[in-house]
Amino acid sequence: MDAARLDHAYAGTAHRVHAVLPAVSAAIAGYDIPLDPPTGPLLQLRREVDTAVSWRLAAQYGLIAVAAPRLLGEALAHLHHAAGAARAAAARTVVAAARCADAVAYKFGAHDLSARLIDVMRWAAGQAGDPNVSVVVSYVRAETFLAARAYRAGQAALELALGAAPAPDTDRAAAARGALHMRTAVVAARAGAATCAREHLRHAAGFAAGLEEGVYAGTAFGPSSVRIHEVAVAVSLGGDHVAAALAVAREWKPGAEIPAERRSGFYVELGRAQLWSGRPDDAFESLKVARRLAPQHVREHPWAREDIEKIRRLKRADAESLTAFAEWIGAV
């Protein structure tokens, strides 16, 4: 059965998410105020947060939304009632839990809540005893600038974070720094700074060359992730740069080593490049691949919604399948 016809299931995810967002907001309203002690051991909570991280990478936003308020409350309770090494571990758990909740808030358009969750991450990162955690949080903070379209400020903030990042003397540190270069490249491209964007991609590729593709501290990084960001940068720059995105896709496609959300994003961005290049049929095929990989991600992606509307206008003869997709994504 065509997933696009399962309207009730996907609408149900949106309803669950929006119903839970007030509880997420309440969980962090007094994040710096000690309240009740935690109800369970930190190790068990860390396992649960790790599961939520796997959901985030797979774009399972409905599952995260249901769990997020409790995970945030427990993580903050541990941070306020721990000392020494346990406090640092609790701080890292707060960052991971808040990042999962932020993925839901950001994808579903709750950008003010997303920014508050990022403030919680920044506060906790300062207590984590690991400067690489702050690098990871700077990577996530880029969402605030992307949502506000404050690209020049975002580029400046991320470049300051790169300047303060620790030496990349471990794989984890190199991955954190390389991922931040990838994200800075996209923000610079949105700002129209093509030369800077390419320079950041070059640095990211240098860090990736010494690593296997994998998930480092909750962020996918490696040679395949850099290739995906080459497409993202080209599409963000637009104009004549779109040909570079198509060139990458002719030679390479992301494999299973890449988490579903990021693979899905590759096909959304490729579809946009194909549409801009006068290839609406190919663009529609790319969007369908993106949906198969991570339907919740695509359904909430503004570019996917914009592009299917345009494809539908261009391809009226194929109205049935296009209309089914457009109805599923909420474009009609």
C-alpha atoms as a PDB file:
ATOM      1  CA  MET A   1       0.000   0.000   0.000  1.00  0.00           C
ATOM      2  CA  ASP A   2       1.170   3.551  -0.772  1.00  0.00           C
ATOM      3  CA  ALA A   3       2.302   5.193   2.473  1.00  0.00           C
ATOM      4  CA  ALA A   4       0.921   8.470   1.155  1.00  0.00           C
ATOM      5  CA  ARG A   5      -2.606   7.107   1.672  1.00  0.00           C
ATOM      6  CA  LEU A   6      -2.063   6.392   5.367  1.00  0.00           C
ATOM      7  CA  ASP A   7      -3.096   9.928   6.252  1.00  0.00           C
ATOM      8  CA  HIS A   8      -4.456   9.058   9.686  1.00  0.00           C
ATOM      9  CA  ALA A   9      -1.183   7.526  10.851  1.00  0.00           C
ATOM     10  CA  TYR A  10       0.960  10.481   9.942  1.00  0.00           C
ATOM     11  CA  ALA A  11      -1.590  12.990  11.189  1.00  0.00           C
ATOM     12  CA  GLY A  12      -1.581  11.018  14.437  1.00  0.00           C
ATOM     13  CA  THR A  13       2.156  11.614  14.818  1.00  0.00           C
ATOM     14  CA  ALA A  14       1.691  15.353  14.397  1.00  0.00           C
ATOM     15  CA  HIS A  15      -1.128  15.344  16.930  1.00  0.00           C
ATOM     16  CA  ARG A  16       0.947  13.386  19.454  1.00  0.00           C
ATOM     17  CA  VAL A  17       3.891  15.725  19.014  1.00  0.00           C
ATOM     18  CA  HIS A  18       1.915  18.941  19.376  1.00  0.00           C
ATOM     19  CA  ALA A  19       0.031  17.548  22.362  1.00  0.00           C
ATOM     20  CA  VAL A  20       3.324  16.830  24.148  1.00  0.00           C
ATOM     21  CA  LEU A  21       5.209  20.047  23.362  1.00  0.00           C
ATOM     22  CA  PRO A  22       3.678  21.924  26.369  1.00  0.00           C
ATOM     23  CA  ALA A  23       4.982  19.159  28.654  1.00  0.00           C
ATOM     24  CA  VAL A  24       8.448  19.500  27.104  1.00  0.00           C
ATOM     25  CA  SER A  25       8.271  23.245  27.743  1.00  0.00           C
ATOM     26  CA  ALA A  26       7.217  22.638  31.356  1.00  0.00           C
ATOM     27  CA  ALA A  27      10.062  20.163  31.883  1.00  0.00           C
ATOM     28  CA  ILE A  28      12.665  22.839  31.131  1.00  0.00           C
ATOM     29  CA  ALA A  29      10.881  25.912  32.492  1.00  0.00           C
ATOM     30  CA  GLY A  30      12.943  25.800  35.692  1.00  0.00           C
ATOM     31  CA  TYR A  31      15.886  23.839  34.368  1.00  0.00           C
ATOM     32  CA  ASP A  32      18.342  25.652  36.654  1.00  0.00           C
ATOM     33  CA  ILE A  33      16.245  25.148  39.814  1.00  0.00           C
ATOM     34  CA  PRO A  34      16.798  21.987  41.897  1.00  0.00           C
ATOM     35  CA  LEU A  35      13.554  20.174  42.662  1.00  0.00           C
ATOM     36  CA  ASP A  36      12.908  16.526  43.493  1.00  0.00           C
ATOM     37  CA  PRO A  37      15.700  13.938  43.355  1.00  0.00           C
ATOM     38  CA  PRO A  38      15.740  11.455  40.453  1.00  0.00           C
ATOM     39  CA  THR A  39      13.587   8.356  40.693  1.00  0.00           C
ATOM     40  CA  GLY A  40      16.038   5.869  39.173  1.00  0.00           C
ATOM     41  CA  PRO A  41      19.743   5.251  38.533  1.00  0.00           C
ATOM     42  CA  LEU A  42      21.656   7.372  36.042  1.00  0.00           C
ATOM     43  CA  LEU A  43      22.888   4.312  34.142  1.00  0.00           C
ATOM     44  CA  GLN A  44      19.333   3.225  33.376  1.00  0.00           C
ATOM     45  CA  LEU A  45      18.403   6.745  32.290  1.00  0.00           C
ATOM     46  CA  ARG A  46      21.457   6.868  30.023  1.00  0.00           C
ATOM     47  CA  ARG A  47      20.301   3.682  28.296  1.00  0.00           C
ATOM     48  CA  GLU A  48      16.872   5.200  27.733  1.00  0.00           C
ATOM     49  CA  VAL A  49      18.380   8.400  26.365  1.00  0.00           C
ATOM     50  CA  ASP A  50      20.612   6.361  24.058  1.00  0.00           C
ATOM     51  CA  THR A  51      17.466   4.715  22.714  1.00  0.00           C
ATOM     52  CA  ALA A  52      15.954   8.155  22.118  1.00  0.00           C
ATOM     53  CA  VAL A  53      19.128   9.166  20.261  1.00  0.00           C
ATOM     54  CA  SER A  54      18.649   6.177  17.951  1.00  0.00           C
ATOM     55  CA  TRP A  55      15.067   7.335  17.358  1.00  0.00           C
ATOM     56  CA  ARG A  56      16.332  10.822  16.511  1.00  0.00           C
ATOM     57  CA  LEU A  57      18.771   9.483  13.945  1.00  0.00           C
ATOM     58  CA  ALA A  58      15.951   7.436  12.415  1.00  0.00           C
ATOM     59  CA  ALA A  59      13.501  10.391  12.423  1.00  0.00           C
ATOM     60  CA  GLN A  60      11.091   8.647  14.817  1.00  0.00           C
ATOM     61  CA  TYR A  61       9.762  11.898  16.214  1.00  0.00           C
ATOM     62  CA  GLY A  62       6.534  10.499  17.615  1.00  0.00           C
ATOM     63  CA  LEU A  63       8.416   8.074  19.858  1.00  0.00           C
ATOM     64  CA  ILE A  64      10.751  10.828  21.076  1.00  0.00           C
ATOM     65  CA  ALA A  65       7.898  13.195  21.841  1.00  0.00           C
ATOM     66  CA  VAL A  66       6.177  10.725  24.155  1.00  0.00           C
ATOM     67  CA  ALA A  67       9.375  10.018  26.103  1.00  0.00           C
ATOM     68  CA  ALA A  68      10.956  13.484  26.112  1.00  0.00           C
ATOM     69  CA  PRO A  69       9.282  15.184  29.108  1.00  0.00           C
ATOM     70  CA  ARG A  70      10.171  12.383  31.512  1.00  0.00           C
ATOM     71  CA  LEU A  71      13.709  11.966  30.147  1.00  0.00           C
ATOM     72  CA  LEU A  72      14.348  15.692  30.472  1.00  0.00           C
ATOM     73  CA  GLY A  73      12.954  15.846  34.004  1.00  0.00           C
ATOM     74  CA  GLU A  74      14.982  12.849  35.168  1.00  0.00           C
ATOM     75  CA  ALA A  75      18.189  14.086  33.510  1.00  0.00           C
ATOM     76  CA  LEU A  76      17.861  17.513  35.127  1.00  0.00           C
ATOM     77  CA  ALA A  77      17.137  15.916  38.512  1.00  0.00           C
ATOM     78  CA  HIS A  78      20.309  13.854  38.247  1.00  0.00           C
ATOM     79  CA  LEU A  79      22.339  16.925  37.330  1.00  0.00           C
ATOM     80  CA  HIS A  80      21.066  18.900  40.315  1.00  0.00           C
ATOM     81  CA  HIS A  81      21.566  16.073  42.814  1.00  0.00           C
ATOM     82  CA  ALA A  82      24.913  14.661  41.683  1.00  0.00           C
ATOM     83  CA  ALA A  83      28.499  15.620  42.403  1.00  0.00           C
ATOM     84  CA  GLY A  84      31.904  15.024  40.865  1.00  0.00           C
ATOM     85  CA  ALA A  85      32.132  12.602  37.956  1.00  0.00           C
ATOM     86  CA  ALA A  86      28.473  11.691  38.315  1.00  0.00           C
ATOM     87  CA  ARG A  87      27.529  15.346  37.829  1.00  0.00           C
ATOM     88  CA  ALA A  88      29.546  15.555  34.609  1.00  0.00           C
ATOM     89  CA  ALA A  89      27.902  12.366  33.340  1.00  0.00           C
ATOM     90  CA  ALA A  90      24.481  13.757  34.232  1.00  0.00           C
ATOM     91  CA  ALA A  91      25.281  16.985  32.369  1.00  0.00           C
ATOM     92  CA  ARG A  92      26.116  14.996  29.243  1.00  0.00           C
ATOM     93  CA  THR A  93      22.843  13.128  29.637  1.00  0.00           C
ATOM     94  CA  VAL A  94      20.931  16.414  29.854  1.00  0.00           C
ATOM     95  CA  VAL A  95      22.557  17.529  26.609  1.00  0.00           C
ATOM     96  CA  ALA A  96      21.622  14.298  24.834  1.00  0.00           C
ATOM     97  CA  ALA A  97      18.036  14.309  26.134  1.00  0.00           C
ATOM     98  CA  ALA A  98      17.517  17.977  25.282  1.00  0.00           C
ATOM     99  CA  ARG A  99      18.931  17.403  21.805  1.00  0.00           C
ATOM    100  CA  CYS A 100      16.385  14.642  21.182  1.00  0.00           C
ATOM    101  CA  ALA A 101      13.554  16.886  22.334  1.00  0.00           C
ATOM    102  CA  ASP A 102      14.940  19.729  20.235  1.00  0.00           C
ATOM    103  CA  ALA A 103      14.860  17.572  17.094  1.00  0.00           C
ATOM    104  CA  VAL A 104      11.111  17.220  17.565  1.00  0.00           C
ATOM    105  CA  ALA A 105      10.515  20.881  18.423  1.00  0.00           C
ATOM    106  CA  TYR A 106      12.582  22.113  15.488  1.00  0.00           C
ATOM    107  CA  LYS A 107      11.117  19.741  12.888  1.00  0.00           C
ATOM    108  CA  PHE A 108       7.559  20.543  13.945  1.00  0.00           C
ATOM    109  CA  GLY A 109       8.058  24.313  13.793  1.00  0.00           C
ATOM    110  CA  ALA A 110       8.237  25.084  17.536  1.00  0.00           C
ATOM    111  CA  HIS A 111      11.314  27.225  17.003  1.00  0.00           C
ATOM    112  CA  ASP A 112      11.038  29.224  20.231  1.00  0.00           C
ATOM    113  CA  LEU A 113      10.948  25.984  22.231  1.00  0.00           C
ATOM    114  CA  SER A 114      13.857  24.683  20.148  1.00  0.00           C
ATOM    115  CA  ALA A 115      15.909  27.771  21.047  1.00  0.00           C
ATOM    116  CA  ARG A 116      15.114  27.278  24.752  1.00  0.00           C
ATOM    117  CA  LEU A 117      16.170  23.638  24.574  1.00  0.00           C
ATOM    118  CA  ILE A 118      19.437  24.732  22.990  1.00  0.00           C
ATOM    119  CA  ASP A 119      19.935  27.167  25.884  1.00  0.00           C
ATOM    120  CA  VAL A 120      19.519  24.204  28.244  1.00  0.00           C
ATOM    121  CA  MET A 121      22.122  22.286  26.232  1.00  0.00           C
ATOM    122  CA  ARG A 122      24.579  25.166  26.414  1.00  0.00           C
ATOM    123  CA  TRP A 123      24.058  25.500  30.173  1.00  0.00           C
ATOM    124  CA  ALA A 124      24.572  21.770  30.757  1.00  0.00           C
ATOM    125  CA  ALA A 125      27.535  21.550  28.365  1.00  0.00           C
ATOM    126  CA  GLY A 126      29.464  23.935  30.612  1.00  0.00           C
ATOM    127  CA  GLN A 127      29.171  21.346  33.408  1.00  0.00           C
ATOM    128  CA  ALA A 128      30.012  18.283  31.316  1.00  0.00           C
ATOM    129  CA  GLY A 129      33.753  18.350  31.877  1.00  0.00           C
ATOM    130  CA  ASP A 130      34.367  17.870  28.158  1.00  0.00           C
ATOM    131  CA  PRO A 131      34.872  20.777  25.738  1.00  0.00           C
ATOM    132  CA  ASN A 132      33.817  18.560  22.834  1.00  0.00           C
ATOM    133  CA  VAL A 133      30.283  18.588  24.234  1.00  0.00           C
ATOM    134  CA  SER A 134      30.203  22.356  23.666  1.00  0.00           C
ATOM    135  CA  VAL A 135      31.316  21.797  20.068  1.00  0.00           C
ATOM    136  CA  VAL A 136      28.399  19.418  19.562  1.00  0.00           C
ATOM    137  CA  VAL A 137      25.997  21.930  21.084  1.00  0.00           C
ATOM    138  CA  SER A 138      27.310  24.634  18.749  1.00  0.00           C
ATOM    139  CA  TYR A 139      26.483  22.292  15.861  1.00  0.00           C
ATOM    140  CA  VAL A 140      22.892  22.054  17.114  1.00  0.00           C
ATOM    141  CA  ARG A 141      22.697  25.790  17.811  1.00  0.00           C
ATOM    142  CA  ALA A 142      22.927  26.403  14.066  1.00  0.00           C
ATOM    143  CA  GLU A 143      19.197  25.530  13.953  1.00  0.00           C
ATOM    144  CA  THR A 144      18.361  28.785  15.721  1.00  0.00           C
ATOM    145  CA  PHE A 145      20.063  30.813  13.000  1.00  0.00           C
ATOM    146  CA  LEU A 146      18.626  28.694  10.194  1.00  0.00           C
ATOM    147  CA  ALA A 147      15.098  29.046  11.567  1.00  0.00           C
ATOM    148  CA  ALA A 148      15.495  32.828  11.857  1.00  0.00           C
ATOM    149  CA  ARG A 149      17.297  33.059   8.482  1.00  0.00           C
ATOM    150  CA  ALA A 150      20.015  34.940  10.375  1.00  0.00           C
ATOM    151  CA  TYR A 151      22.702  33.350   8.269  1.00  0.00           C
ATOM    152  CA  ARG A 152      25.511  35.882   8.648  1.00  0.00           C
ATOM    153  CA  ALA A 153      25.150  35.869  12.434  1.00  0.00           C
ATOM    154  CA  GLY A 154      25.012  32.087  12.369  1.00  0.00           C
ATOM    155  CA  GLN A 155      28.176  31.828  10.325  1.00  0.00           C
ATOM    156  CA  ALA A 156      29.965  34.173  12.714  1.00  0.00           C
ATOM    157  CA  ALA A 157      28.763  32.255  15.792  1.00  0.00           C
ATOM    158  CA  LEU A 158      29.808  28.893  14.397  1.00  0.00           C
ATOM    159  CA  GLU A 159      33.202  30.170  13.316  1.00  0.00           C
ATOM    160  CA  LEU A 160      33.760  31.508  16.842  1.00  0.00           C
ATOM    161  CA  ALA A 161      32.872  28.060  18.177  1.00  0.00           C
ATOM    162  CA  LEU A 162      35.357  26.476  15.782  1.00  0.00           C
ATOM    163  CA  GLY A 163      38.041  28.844  17.039  1.00  0.00           C
ATOM    164  CA  ALA A 164      37.352  27.774  20.627  1.00  0.00           C
ATOM    165  CA  ALA A 165      37.153  24.047  19.858  1.00  0.00           C
ATOM    166  CA  PRO A 166      39.732  21.755  21.476  1.00  0.00           C
ATOM    167  CA  ALA A 167      42.543  20.185  19.497  1.00  0.00           C
ATOM    168  CA  PRO A 168      41.282  17.244  17.398  1.00  0.00           C
ATOM    169  CA  ASP A 169      43.547  14.724  19.111  1.00  0.00           C
ATOM    170  CA  THR A 170      40.987  11.899  19.317  1.00  0.00           C
ATOM    171  CA  ASP A 171      38.512  10.482  16.802  1.00  0.00           C
ATOM    172  CA  ARG A 172      35.662  11.922  18.860  1.00  0.00           C
ATOM    173  CA  ALA A 173      37.198  15.404  18.863  1.00  0.00           C
ATOM    174  CA  ALA A 174      38.007  15.239  15.149  1.00  0.00           C
ATOM    175  CA  ALA A 175      34.450  14.167  14.370  1.00  0.00           C
ATOM    176  CA  ALA A 176      32.962  16.969  16.480  1.00  0.00           C
ATOM    177  CA  ARG A 177      35.136  19.559  14.773  1.00  0.00           C
ATOM    178  CA  GLY A 178      34.545  18.118  11.304  1.00  0.00           C
ATOM    179  CA  ALA A 179      30.780  18.035  11.819  1.00  0.00           C
ATOM    180  CA  LEU A 180      30.829  21.661  12.944  1.00  0.00           C
ATOM    181  CA  HIS A 181      32.706  22.578   9.759  1.00  0.00           C
ATOM    182  CA  MET A 182      29.979  20.778   7.756  1.00  0.00           C
ATOM    183  CA  ARG A 183      27.220  22.706   9.480  1.00  0.00           C
ATOM    184  CA  THR A 184      29.109  25.996   9.141  1.00  0.00           C
ATOM    185  CA  ALA A 185      29.486  25.328   5.410  1.00  0.00           C
ATOM    186  CA  VAL A 186      25.703  25.091   5.023  1.00  0.00           C
ATOM    187  CA  VAL A 187      25.059  28.261   7.036  1.00  0.00           C
ATOM    188  CA  ALA A 188      27.741  30.126   5.070  1.00  0.00           C
ATOM    189  CA  ALA A 189      26.147  28.934   1.836  1.00  0.00           C
ATOM    190  CA  ARG A 190      22.767  30.256   2.972  1.00  0.00           C
ATOM    191  CA  ALA A 191      24.531  33.558   3.663  1.00  0.00           C
ATOM    192  CA  GLY A 192      25.807  33.551   0.068  1.00  0.00           C
ATOM    193  CA  ALA A 193      29.431  33.164   1.154  1.00  0.00           C
ATOM    194  CA  ALA A 194      30.411  30.550  -1.430  1.00  0.00           C
ATOM    195  CA  THR A 195      34.159  30.731  -0.851  1.00  0.00           C
ATOM    196  CA  CYS A 196      33.793  30.332   2.914  1.00  0.00           C
ATOM    197  CA  ALA A 197      31.341  27.483   2.454  1.00  0.00           C
ATOM    198  CA  ARG A 198      33.748  25.590   0.219  1.00  0.00           C
ATOM    199  CA  GLU A 199      36.605  26.209   2.657  1.00  0.00           C
ATOM    200  CA  HIS A 200      34.590  24.752   5.532  1.00  0.00           C
ATOM    201  CA  LEU A 201      33.709  21.736   3.399  1.00  0.00           C
ATOM    202  CA  ARG A 202      37.392  21.270   2.634  1.00  0.00           C
ATOM    203  CA  HIS A 203      38.206  21.262   6.346  1.00  0.00           C
ATOM    204  CA  ALA A 204      35.355  18.827   7.027  1.00  0.00           C
ATOM    205  CA  ALA A 205      36.649  16.489   4.317  1.00  0.00           C
ATOM    206  CA  GLY A 206      40.113  16.622   5.866  1.00  0.00           C
ATOM    207  CA  PHE A 207      38.786  15.490   9.240  1.00  0.00           C
ATOM    208  CA  ALA A 208      36.575  12.838   7.636  1.00  0.00           C
ATOM    209  CA  ALA A 209      39.464  11.347   5.675  1.00  0.00           C
ATOM    210  CA  GLY A 210      40.922   9.857   8.838  1.00  0.00           C
ATOM    211  CA  LEU A 211      37.636   8.437  10.136  1.00  0.00           C
ATOM    212  CA  GLU A 212      35.127   5.777   9.269  1.00  0.00           C
ATOM    213  CA  GLU A 213      31.562   6.945   8.752  1.00  0.00           C
ATOM    214  CA  GLY A 214      29.761   6.592  12.053  1.00  0.00           C
ATOM    215  CA  VAL A 215      27.829   8.313  14.833  1.00  0.00           C
ATOM    216  CA  TYR A 216      30.120  10.261  17.154  1.00  0.00           C
ATOM    217  CA  ALA A 217      28.537  11.756  20.292  1.00  0.00           C
ATOM    218  CA  GLY A 218      25.132  11.652  18.627  1.00  0.00           C
ATOM    219  CA  THR A 219      26.183  13.172  15.279  1.00  0.00           C
ATOM    220  CA  ALA A 220      26.780  11.253  12.060  1.00  0.00           C
ATOM    221  CA  PHE A 221      30.140  12.122  10.548  1.00  0.00           C
ATOM    222  CA  GLY A 222      32.571  10.697   8.042  1.00  0.00           C
ATOM    223  CA  PRO A 223      33.259  10.745   4.298  1.00  0.00           C
ATOM    224  CA  SER A 224      29.648   9.957   3.343  1.00  0.00           C
ATOM    225  CA  SER A 225      28.269  12.738   5.549  1.00  0.00           C
ATOM    226  CA  VAL A 226      30.635  15.202   3.890  1.00  0.00           C
ATOM    227  CA  ARG A 227      29.397  14.122   0.444  1.00  0.00           C
ATOM    228  CA  ILE A 228      25.821  14.729   1.569  1.00  0.00           C
ATOM    229  CA  HIS A 229      26.798  18.190   2.739  1.00  0.00           C
ATOM    230  CA  GLU A 230      28.380  18.927  -0.629  1.00  0.00           C
ATOM    231  CA  VAL A 231      24.881  18.572  -2.053  1.00  0.00           C
ATOM    232  CA  ALA A 232      23.374  20.633   0.779  1.00  0.00           C
ATOM    233  CA  VAL A 233      25.862  23.452   0.209  1.00  0.00           C
ATOM    234  CA  ALA A 234      25.314  23.462  -3.554  1.00  0.00           C
ATOM    235  CA  VAL A 235      21.533  23.632  -3.145  1.00  0.00           C
ATOM    236  CA  SER A 236      21.842  26.322  -0.469  1.00  0.00           C
ATOM    237  CA  LEU A 237      23.968  28.433  -2.814  1.00  0.00           C
ATOM    238  CA  GLY A 238      21.523  27.879  -5.685  1.00  0.00           C
ATOM    239  CA  GLY A 239      21.984  29.250  -9.180  1.00  0.00           C
ATOM    240  CA  ASP A 240      24.866  27.765 -11.131  1.00  0.00           C
ATOM    241  CA  HIS A 241      25.958  25.772  -8.074  1.00  0.00           C
ATOM    242  CA  VAL A 242      23.027  23.359  -8.476  1.00  0.00           C
ATOM    243  CA  ALA A 243      24.950  21.508 -11.174  1.00  0.00           C
ATOM    244  CA  ALA A 244      27.463  20.484  -8.501  1.00  0.00           C
ATOM    245  CA  ALA A 245      24.693  18.803  -6.508  1.00  0.00           C
ATOM    246  CA  LEU A 246      23.598  16.826  -9.562  1.00  0.00           C
ATOM    247  CA  ALA A 247      27.201  15.851 -10.280  1.00  0.00           C
ATOM    248  CA  VAL A 248      27.601  14.343  -6.793  1.00  0.00           C
ATOM    249  CA  ALA A 249      24.376  12.359  -7.201  1.00  0.00           C
ATOM    250  CA  ARG A 250      25.423  10.974 -10.596  1.00  0.00           C
ATOM    251  CA  GLU A 251      28.475   9.348  -9.049  1.00  0.00           C
ATOM    252  CA  TRP A 252      27.317   8.462  -5.545  1.00  0.00           C
ATOM    253  CA  LYS A 253      24.324   7.653  -3.338  1.00  0.00           C
ATOM    254  CA  PRO A 254      24.301   7.366   0.479  1.00  0.00           C
ATOM    255  CA  GLY A 255      24.239   3.831   1.832  1.00  0.00           C
ATOM    256  CA  ALA A 256      23.042   2.197   5.016  1.00  0.00           C
ATOM    257  CA  GLU A 257      26.043   3.559   6.909  1.00  0.00           C
ATOM    258  CA  ILE A 258      24.167   6.874   7.036  1.00  0.00           C
ATOM    259  CA  PRO A 259      21.252   7.297   9.502  1.00  0.00           C
ATOM    260  CA  ALA A 260      17.822   7.406   7.885  1.00  0.00           C
ATOM    261  CA  GLU A 261      17.134  11.059   8.644  1.00  0.00           C
ATOM    262  CA  ARG A 262      20.308  12.247   6.927  1.00  0.00           C
ATOM    263  CA  ARG A 263      19.834   9.933   3.934  1.00  0.00           C
ATOM    264  CA  SER A 264      16.299  11.231   3.576  1.00  0.00           C
ATOM    265  CA  GLY A 265      17.582  14.804   3.671  1.00  0.00           C
ATOM    266  CA  PHE A 266      19.994  14.020   0.836  1.00  0.00           C
ATOM    267  CA  TYR A 267      17.102  12.991  -1.410  1.00  0.00           C
ATOM    268  CA  VAL A 268      14.988  16.010  -0.457  1.00  0.00           C
ATOM    269  CA  GLU A 269      17.857  18.314  -1.428  1.00  0.00           C
ATOM    270  CA  LEU A 270      18.626  16.317  -4.578  1.00  0.00           C
ATOM    271  CA  GLY A 271      14.959  16.578  -5.523  1.00  0.00           C
ATOM    272  CA  ARG A 272      15.127  20.342  -5.183  1.00  0.00           C
ATOM    273  CA  ALA A 273      18.219  20.468  -7.427  1.00  0.00           C
ATOM    274  CA  GLN A 274      16.475  18.276 -10.000  1.00  0.00           C
ATOM    275  CA  LEU A 275      13.357  20.430  -9.922  1.00  0.00           C
ATOM    276  CA  TRP A 276      15.379  23.610 -10.412  1.00  0.00           C
ATOM    277  CA  SER A 277      17.125  21.915 -13.340  1.00  0.00           C
ATOM    278  CA  GLY A 278      13.855  21.247 -15.142  1.00  0.00           C
ATOM    279  CA  ARG A 279      13.555  17.572 -14.161  1.00  0.00           C
ATOM    280  CA  PRO A 280      10.281  17.330 -12.196  1.00  0.00           C
ATOM    281  CA  ASP A 281       9.882  13.575 -12.784  1.00  0.00           C
ATOM    282  CA  ASP A 282      13.286  12.876 -11.258  1.00  0.00           C
ATOM    283  CA  ALA A 283      12.503  15.283  -8.430  1.00  0.00           C
ATOM    284  CA  PHE A 284       9.315  13.386  -7.603  1.00  0.00           C
ATOM    285  CA  GLU A 285      11.200  10.086  -7.593  1.00  0.00           C
ATOM    286  CA  SER A 286      13.753  11.562  -5.175  1.00  0.00           C
ATOM    287  CA  LEU A 287      11.009  12.752  -2.848  1.00  0.00           C
ATOM    288  CA  LYS A 288       9.459   9.295  -2.867  1.00  0.00           C
ATOM    289  CA  VAL A 289      12.802   7.757  -1.919  1.00  0.00           C
ATOM    290  CA  ALA A 290      13.156  10.329   0.867  1.00  0.00           C
ATOM    291  CA  ARG A 291       9.707   9.398   2.151  1.00  0.00           C
ATOM    292  CA  ARG A 292      10.455   5.676   2.158  1.00  0.00           C
ATOM    293  CA  LEU A 293      13.589   6.303   4.223  1.00  0.00           C
ATOM    294  CA  ALA A 294      12.129   8.661   6.836  1.00  0.00           C
ATOM    295  CA  PRO A 295       8.449   9.543   6.336  1.00  0.00           C
ATOM    296  CA  GLN A 296       8.109  11.679   9.467  1.00  0.00           C
ATOM    297  CA  HIS A 297      11.129  13.735   8.429  1.00  0.00           C
ATOM    298  CA  VAL A 298       9.811  14.360   4.916  1.00  0.00           C
ATOM    299  CA  ARG A 299       6.286  15.147   6.046  1.00  0.00           C
ATOM    300  CA  GLU A 300       7.559  18.017   8.194  1.00  0.00           C
ATOM    301  CA  HIS A 301      10.201  19.257   5.720  1.00  0.00           C
ATOM    302  CA  PRO A 302       9.202  22.667   4.291  1.00  0.00           C
ATOM    303  CA  TRP A 303      11.241  22.164   1.123  1.00  0.00           C
ATOM    304  CA  ALA A 304       9.519  18.859   0.406  1.00  0.00           C
ATOM    305  CA  ARG A 305       6.128  20.520   0.784  1.00  0.00           C
ATOM    306  CA  GLU A 306       7.086  23.462  -1.440  1.00  0.00           C
ATOM    307  CA  ASP A 307       8.558  21.235  -4.099  1.00  0.00           C
ATOM    308  CA  ILE A 308       5.677  18.789  -4.341  1.00  0.00           C
ATOM    309  CA  GLU A 309       3.318  21.742  -4.818  1.00  0.00           C
ATOM    310  CA  LYS A 310       5.415  22.952  -7.739  1.00  0.00           C
ATOM    311  CA  ILE A 311       5.778  19.481  -9.263  1.00  0.00           C
ATOM    312  CA  ARG A 312       2.033  19.010  -9.060  1.00  0.00           C
ATOM    313  CA  ARG A 313       1.458  22.266 -10.942  1.00  0.00           C
ATOM    314  CA  LEU A 314       3.951  21.225 -13.624  1.00  0.00           C
ATOM    315  CA  LYS A 315       2.698  17.648 -13.995  1.00  0.00           C
ATOM    316  CA  ARG A 316      -1.071  17.866 -14.014  1.00  0.00           C
ATOM    317  CA  ALA A 317      -1.323  14.765 -16.235  1.00  0.00           C
ATOM    318  CA  ASP A 318       0.043  12.657 -13.378  1.00  0.00           C
ATOM    319  CA  ALA A 319      -2.415  14.074 -10.904  1.00  0.00           C
ATOM    320  CA  GLU A 320      -3.342  10.904  -9.001  1.00  0.00           C
ATOM    321  CA  SER A 321       0.046   9.923  -7.571  1.00  0.00           C
ATOM    322  CA  LEU A 322       1.149  13.525  -7.120  1.00  0.00           C
ATOM    323  CA  THR A 323      -2.109  14.451  -5.427  1.00  0.00           C
ATOM    324  CA  ALA A 324      -1.793  11.478  -3.074  1.00  0.00           C
ATOM    325  CA  PHE A 325       1.692  12.634  -2.071  1.00  0.00           C
ATOM    326  CA  ALA A 326       0.591  16.266  -1.785  1.00  0.00           C
ATOM    327  CA  GLU A 327      -2.338  15.302   0.441  1.00  0.00           C
ATOM    328  CA  TRP A 328      -0.077  13.152   2.618  1.00  0.00           C
ATOM    329  CA  ILE A 329       2.458  15.941   3.100  1.00  0.00           C
ATOM    330  CA  GLY A 330      -0.240  18.558   3.737  1.00  0.00           C
ATOM    331  CA  ALA A 331       0.353  20.619   0.596  1.00  0.00           C
ATOM    332  CA  VAL A 332      -3.330  20.549  -0.450  1.00  0.00           C
END
